[in-house]
Amino acid sequence: MTTRIFIDGAAGTTGLEIHERLAARKDLSVIRLAEIERKDSRARACALNEADVVILCLPDEAAREAVALITNPDVRVIDASTAHRVAPGWVFGFAEVEPGNYAAIAAAKRVSNPGCYSTGFLALVRRPANFRNSQRTARNIRLKSERTLLDKPAAVVICLRRKKKKN
């Protein structure tokens, strides 16, 4: 049995790229809506509830609306928008941030895509969980926040310095 995927927002840049990456997979079948059905809430609701996995490539409000249309408790959702990044019941999809996140993401029904800015920032200021206890970590990361008179962040300076090898 193949896994059924529905990409809501498949006509946009992100949706087209995801569809292209999944097209060659024999273990997946992509549910597609005709052009006229893309804005039809009944057609979308049907596709959202027939899929095993839904990938939302929509603006925030449209992503919230799409999730509200899902009534099938078995549907797994990956949201590429910012709508559910820190929402209760959603797993933040950056597995390396915390120990156990790989398992949490694999088991989750709702996964929020961390996005490029938060991924870049968190990758710099937090040591990845899978390297947390590793002696091979090559860099220490130190974060200094300078504040203005109004106590608002004026600049964040990230200093990377190499650990000296012990002989």
Foldseek 3Di string as FASTA:
>chain_A
DAAEEEEQVLVDPVNVVVCVVCVVDPRYDYDDDDPVCSPPLVSLLVSQAVGQEYEYPDEQVVVVVSVVSHPRPRYAYEYAYCNCCPPPLEQEPPQFQAPPSVVVVVPGSHYYDNDDVNVVVSVQPGPGHVCPPPPPPFWDWDWDFDADPVRDTPDIDIDIDGDDDDD
